[in-house]
Amino acid sequence: MVYTAESDPLCYPVGLPFNAEVLDRERVIEAMIESLAGSEQPLATLILDIFTEP
């Protein structure tokens, strides 16, 4: 599901899209674990993908 800025109150104030399709459970968990171990790139990429038009 892809949310638009108009349909999502969290994104609306800043005018960003919200791409929920990239929120794959395994990808999110792996990115979080890697960030805790010091590698922030996977989490940064995930966040960028969330707020990028599909």
PDB file of N, CA and C in Angstrom:
ATOM      1  N   MET A   1       0.842  -1.168   0.000  1.00  0.00           N
ATOM      2  CA  MET A   1       0.000   0.000   0.000  1.00  0.00           C
ATOM      3  C   MET A   1       0.893   1.239   0.000  1.00  0.00           C
ATOM      4  N   VAL A   2       0.563   2.194  -0.802  1.00  0.00           N
ATOM      5  CA  VAL A   2       1.303   3.451  -0.863  1.00  0.00           C
ATOM      6  C   VAL A   2       0.402   4.561  -0.347  1.00  0.00           C
ATOM      7  N   TYR A   3       0.872   5.243   0.659  1.00  0.00           N
ATOM      8  CA  TYR A   3       0.130   6.360   1.216  1.00  0.00           C
ATOM      9  C   TYR A   3       0.603   7.645   0.548  1.00  0.00           C
ATOM     10  N   THR A   4      -0.280   8.577   0.428  1.00  0.00           N
ATOM     11  CA  THR A   4       0.102   9.892  -0.083  1.00  0.00           C
ATOM     12  C   THR A   4       0.168  10.857   1.090  1.00  0.00           C
ATOM     13  N   ALA A   5       0.757  11.978   0.863  1.00  0.00           N
ATOM     14  CA  ALA A   5       0.846  12.980   1.922  1.00  0.00           C
ATOM     15  C   ALA A   5      -0.540  13.369   2.416  1.00  0.00           C
ATOM     16  N   GLU A   6      -1.511  13.387   1.514  1.00  0.00           N
ATOM     17  CA  GLU A   6      -2.863  13.785   1.900  1.00  0.00           C
ATOM     18  C   GLU A   6      -3.553  12.741   2.770  1.00  0.00           C
ATOM     19  N   SER A   7      -3.204  11.462   2.611  1.00  0.00           N
ATOM     20  CA  SER A   7      -3.902  10.408   3.344  1.00  0.00           C
ATOM     21  C   SER A   7      -3.187   9.989   4.621  1.00  0.00           C
ATOM     22  N   ASP A   8      -1.997  10.474   4.862  1.00  0.00           N
ATOM     23  CA  ASP A   8      -1.237  10.054   6.036  1.00  0.00           C
ATOM     24  C   ASP A   8      -0.905  11.269   6.900  1.00  0.00           C
ATOM     25  N   PRO A   9      -1.460  11.328   8.110  1.00  0.00           N
ATOM     26  CA  PRO A   9      -1.236  12.503   8.954  1.00  0.00           C
ATOM     27  C   PRO A   9       0.217  12.686   9.381  1.00  0.00           C
ATOM     28  N   LEU A  10       1.028  11.631   9.353  1.00  0.00           N
ATOM     29  CA  LEU A  10       2.436  11.772   9.720  1.00  0.00           C
ATOM     30  C   LEU A  10       3.242  12.433   8.615  1.00  0.00           C
ATOM     31  N   CYS A  11       2.879  12.170   7.374  1.00  0.00           N
ATOM     32  CA  CYS A  11       3.620  12.714   6.238  1.00  0.00           C
ATOM     33  C   CYS A  11       3.034  14.021   5.734  1.00  0.00           C
ATOM     34  N   TYR A  12       1.770  14.236   5.979  1.00  0.00           N
ATOM     35  CA  TYR A  12       1.084  15.404   5.420  1.00  0.00           C
ATOM     36  C   TYR A  12       1.757  16.739   5.733  1.00  0.00           C
ATOM     37  N   PRO A  13       2.146  16.996   6.988  1.00  0.00           N
ATOM     38  CA  PRO A  13       2.707  18.324   7.289  1.00  0.00           C
ATOM     39  C   PRO A  13       3.963  18.677   6.485  1.00  0.00           C
ATOM     40  N   VAL A  14       4.727  17.683   6.071  1.00  0.00           N
ATOM     41  CA  VAL A  14       5.957  17.967   5.323  1.00  0.00           C
ATOM     42  C   VAL A  14       5.830  17.631   3.846  1.00  0.00           C
ATOM     43  N   GLY A  15       4.672  17.118   3.432  1.00  0.00           N
ATOM     44  CA  GLY A  15       4.425  16.859   2.015  1.00  0.00           C
ATOM     45  C   GLY A  15       5.197  15.692   1.430  1.00  0.00           C
ATOM     46  N   LEU A  16       5.476  14.666   2.225  1.00  0.00           N
ATOM     47  CA  LEU A  16       6.221  13.508   1.741  1.00  0.00           C
ATOM     48  C   LEU A  16       5.295  12.338   1.430  1.00  0.00           C
ATOM     49  N   PRO A  17       5.653  11.506   0.447  1.00  0.00           N
ATOM     50  CA  PRO A  17       4.915  10.266   0.236  1.00  0.00           C
ATOM     51  C   PRO A  17       5.318   9.266   1.319  1.00  0.00           C
ATOM     52  N   PHE A  18       4.526   8.227   1.513  1.00  0.00           N
ATOM     53  CA  PHE A  18       4.876   7.162   2.454  1.00  0.00           C
ATOM     54  C   PHE A  18       4.673   5.838   1.740  1.00  0.00           C
ATOM     55  N   ASN A  19       5.770   5.192   1.378  1.00  0.00           N
ATOM     56  CA  ASN A  19       5.739   3.955   0.612  1.00  0.00           C
ATOM     57  C   ASN A  19       5.829   2.759   1.562  1.00  0.00           C
ATOM     58  N   ALA A  20       4.676   2.273   2.027  1.00  0.00           N
ATOM     59  CA  ALA A  20       4.641   1.169   2.982  1.00  0.00           C
ATOM     60  C   ALA A  20       5.058  -0.160   2.362  1.00  0.00           C
ATOM     61  N   GLU A  21       5.090  -0.240   1.040  1.00  0.00           N
ATOM     62  CA  GLU A  21       5.455  -1.490   0.374  1.00  0.00           C
ATOM     63  C   GLU A  21       6.886  -1.922   0.679  1.00  0.00           C
ATOM     64  N   VAL A  22       7.760  -1.008   1.054  1.00  0.00           N
ATOM     65  CA  VAL A  22       9.151  -1.364   1.329  1.00  0.00           C
ATOM     66  C   VAL A  22       9.350  -1.856   2.759  1.00  0.00           C
ATOM     67  N   LEU A  23       8.290  -1.846   3.556  1.00  0.00           N
ATOM     68  CA  LEU A  23       8.410  -2.261   4.948  1.00  0.00           C
ATOM     69  C   LEU A  23       8.298  -3.778   5.093  1.00  0.00           C
ATOM     70  N   ASP A  24       9.213  -4.472   4.461  1.00  0.00           N
ATOM     71  CA  ASP A  24       9.314  -5.922   4.590  1.00  0.00           C
ATOM     72  C   ASP A  24       9.909  -6.240   5.966  1.00  0.00           C
ATOM     73  N   ARG A  25       9.261  -7.108   6.709  1.00  0.00           N
ATOM     74  CA  ARG A  25       9.671  -7.413   8.085  1.00  0.00           C
ATOM     75  C   ARG A  25      11.147  -7.772   8.191  1.00  0.00           C
ATOM     76  N   GLU A  26      11.610  -8.672   7.359  1.00  0.00           N
ATOM     77  CA  GLU A  26      13.008  -9.108   7.420  1.00  0.00           C
ATOM     78  C   GLU A  26      13.966  -7.962   7.106  1.00  0.00           C
ATOM     79  N   ARG A  27      13.615  -7.157   6.117  1.00  0.00           N
ATOM     80  CA  ARG A  27      14.476  -6.028   5.749  1.00  0.00           C
ATOM     81  C   ARG A  27      14.570  -5.018   6.894  1.00  0.00           C
ATOM     82  N   VAL A  28      13.446  -4.731   7.524  1.00  0.00           N
ATOM     83  CA  VAL A  28      13.430  -3.765   8.622  1.00  0.00           C
ATOM     84  C   VAL A  28      14.251  -4.281   9.799  1.00  0.00           C
ATOM     85  N   ILE A  29      14.039  -5.532  10.177  1.00  0.00           N
ATOM     86  CA  ILE A  29      14.774  -6.105  11.307  1.00  0.00           C
ATOM     87  C   ILE A  29      16.272  -6.128  11.024  1.00  0.00           C
ATOM     88  N   GLU A  30      16.652  -6.565   9.828  1.00  0.00           N
ATOM     89  CA  GLU A  30      18.071  -6.616   9.469  1.00  0.00           C
ATOM     90  C   GLU A  30      18.698  -5.222   9.499  1.00  0.00           C
ATOM     91  N   ALA A  31      17.994  -4.235   8.971  1.00  0.00           N
ATOM     92  CA  ALA A  31      18.520  -2.867   8.960  1.00  0.00           C
ATOM     93  C   ALA A  31      18.686  -2.330  10.381  1.00  0.00           C
ATOM     94  N   MET A  32      17.730  -2.636  11.254  1.00  0.00           N
ATOM     95  CA  MET A  32      17.820  -2.172  12.636  1.00  0.00           C
ATOM     96  C   MET A  32      18.982  -2.834  13.362  1.00  0.00           C
ATOM     97  N   ILE A  33      19.149  -4.135  13.181  1.00  0.00           N
ATOM     98  CA  ILE A  33      20.252  -4.848  13.829  1.00  0.00           C
ATOM     99  C   ILE A  33      21.598  -4.333  13.334  1.00  0.00           C
ATOM    100  N   GLU A  34      21.714  -4.145  12.020  1.00  0.00           N
ATOM    101  CA  GLU A  34      22.966  -3.641  11.466  1.00  0.00           C
ATOM    102  C   GLU A  34      23.274  -2.237  11.976  1.00  0.00           C
ATOM    103  N   SER A  35      22.248  -1.410  12.147  1.00  0.00           N
ATOM    104  CA  SER A  35      22.493  -0.049  12.641  1.00  0.00           C
ATOM    105  C   SER A  35      22.981  -0.077  14.090  1.00  0.00           C
ATOM    106  N   LEU A  36      22.458  -1.003  14.882  1.00  0.00           N
ATOM    107  CA  LEU A  36      22.921  -1.128  16.265  1.00  0.00           C
ATOM    108  C   LEU A  36      24.363  -1.622  16.332  1.00  0.00           C
ATOM    109  N   ALA A  37      24.780  -2.354  15.290  1.00  0.00           N
ATOM    110  CA  ALA A  37      26.155  -2.855  15.220  1.00  0.00           C
ATOM    111  C   ALA A  37      27.104  -1.824  14.606  1.00  0.00           C
ATOM    112  N   GLY A  38      26.570  -0.667  14.196  1.00  0.00           N
ATOM    113  CA  GLY A  38      27.416   0.398  13.688  1.00  0.00           C
ATOM    114  C   GLY A  38      27.301   0.689  12.207  1.00  0.00           C
ATOM    115  N   SER A  39      26.587  -0.138  11.458  1.00  0.00           N
ATOM    116  CA  SER A  39      26.414   0.097  10.024  1.00  0.00           C
ATOM    117  C   SER A  39      25.047   0.729   9.789  1.00  0.00           C
ATOM    118  N   GLU A  40      25.038   2.025   9.566  1.00  0.00           N
ATOM    119  CA  GLU A  40      23.778   2.748   9.425  1.00  0.00           C
ATOM    120  C   GLU A  40      23.255   2.797   7.993  1.00  0.00           C
ATOM    121  N   GLN A  41      24.041   2.377   7.020  1.00  0.00           N
ATOM    122  CA  GLN A  41      23.641   2.492   5.618  1.00  0.00           C
ATOM    123  C   GLN A  41      22.346   1.740   5.289  1.00  0.00           C
ATOM    124  N   PRO A  42      22.174   0.469   5.721  1.00  0.00           N
ATOM    125  CA  PRO A  42      20.918  -0.219   5.396  1.00  0.00           C
ATOM    126  C   PRO A  42      19.680   0.488   5.963  1.00  0.00           C
ATOM    127  N   LEU A  43      19.783   1.023   7.162  1.00  0.00           N
ATOM    128  CA  LEU A  43      18.650   1.732   7.760  1.00  0.00           C
ATOM    129  C   LEU A  43      18.400   3.054   7.038  1.00  0.00           C
ATOM    130  N   ALA A  44      19.468   3.752   6.686  1.00  0.00           N
ATOM    131  CA  ALA A  44      19.319   5.005   5.940  1.00  0.00           C
ATOM    132  C   ALA A  44      18.663   4.751   4.583  1.00  0.00           C
ATOM    133  N   THR A  45      19.052   3.668   3.927  1.00  0.00           N
ATOM    134  CA  THR A  45      18.465   3.318   2.632  1.00  0.00           C
ATOM    135  C   THR A  45      16.988   2.973   2.791  1.00  0.00           C
ATOM    136  N   LEU A  46      16.653   2.230   3.828  1.00  0.00           N
ATOM    137  CA  LEU A  46      15.259   1.881   4.094  1.00  0.00           C
ATOM    138  C   LEU A  46      14.420   3.139   4.314  1.00  0.00           C
ATOM    139  N   ILE A  47      14.913   4.052   5.117  1.00  0.00           N
ATOM    140  CA  ILE A  47      14.179   5.288   5.385  1.00  0.00           C
ATOM    141  C   ILE A  47      13.995   6.098   4.107  1.00  0.00           C
ATOM    142  N   LEU A  48      15.034   6.181   3.303  1.00  0.00           N
ATOM    143  CA  LEU A  48      14.928   6.897   2.033  1.00  0.00           C
ATOM    144  C   LEU A  48      13.890   6.239   1.128  1.00  0.00           C
ATOM    145  N   ASP A  49      13.886   4.902   1.086  1.00  0.00           N
ATOM    146  CA  ASP A  49      12.910   4.178   0.266  1.00  0.00           C
ATOM    147  C   ASP A  49      11.478   4.410   0.739  1.00  0.00           C
ATOM    148  N   ILE A  50      11.287   4.546   2.042  1.00  0.00           N
ATOM    149  CA  ILE A  50       9.950   4.781   2.589  1.00  0.00           C
ATOM    150  C   ILE A  50       9.385   6.105   2.076  1.00  0.00           C
ATOM    151  N   PHE A  51      10.241   7.112   1.978  1.00  0.00           N
ATOM    152  CA  PHE A  51       9.778   8.444   1.596  1.00  0.00           C
ATOM    153  C   PHE A  51      10.078   8.794   0.146  1.00  0.00           C
ATOM    154  N   THR A  52      10.207   7.774  -0.696  1.00  0.00           N
ATOM    155  CA  THR A  52      10.437   7.968  -2.123  1.00  0.00           C
ATOM    156  C   THR A  52       9.242   7.421  -2.886  1.00  0.00           C
ATOM    157  N   GLU A  53       8.788   8.142  -3.877  1.00  0.00           N
ATOM    158  CA  GLU A  53       7.678   7.662  -4.710  1.00  0.00           C
ATOM    159  C   GLU A  53       8.049   6.320  -5.322  1.00  0.00           C
ATOM    160  N   PRO A  54       7.128   5.360  -5.308  1.00  0.00           N
ATOM    161  CA  PRO A  54       7.422   4.041  -5.912  1.00  0.00           C
ATOM    162  C   PRO A  54       7.540   4.116  -7.422  1.00  0.00           C
TER     163      PRO A  54
END
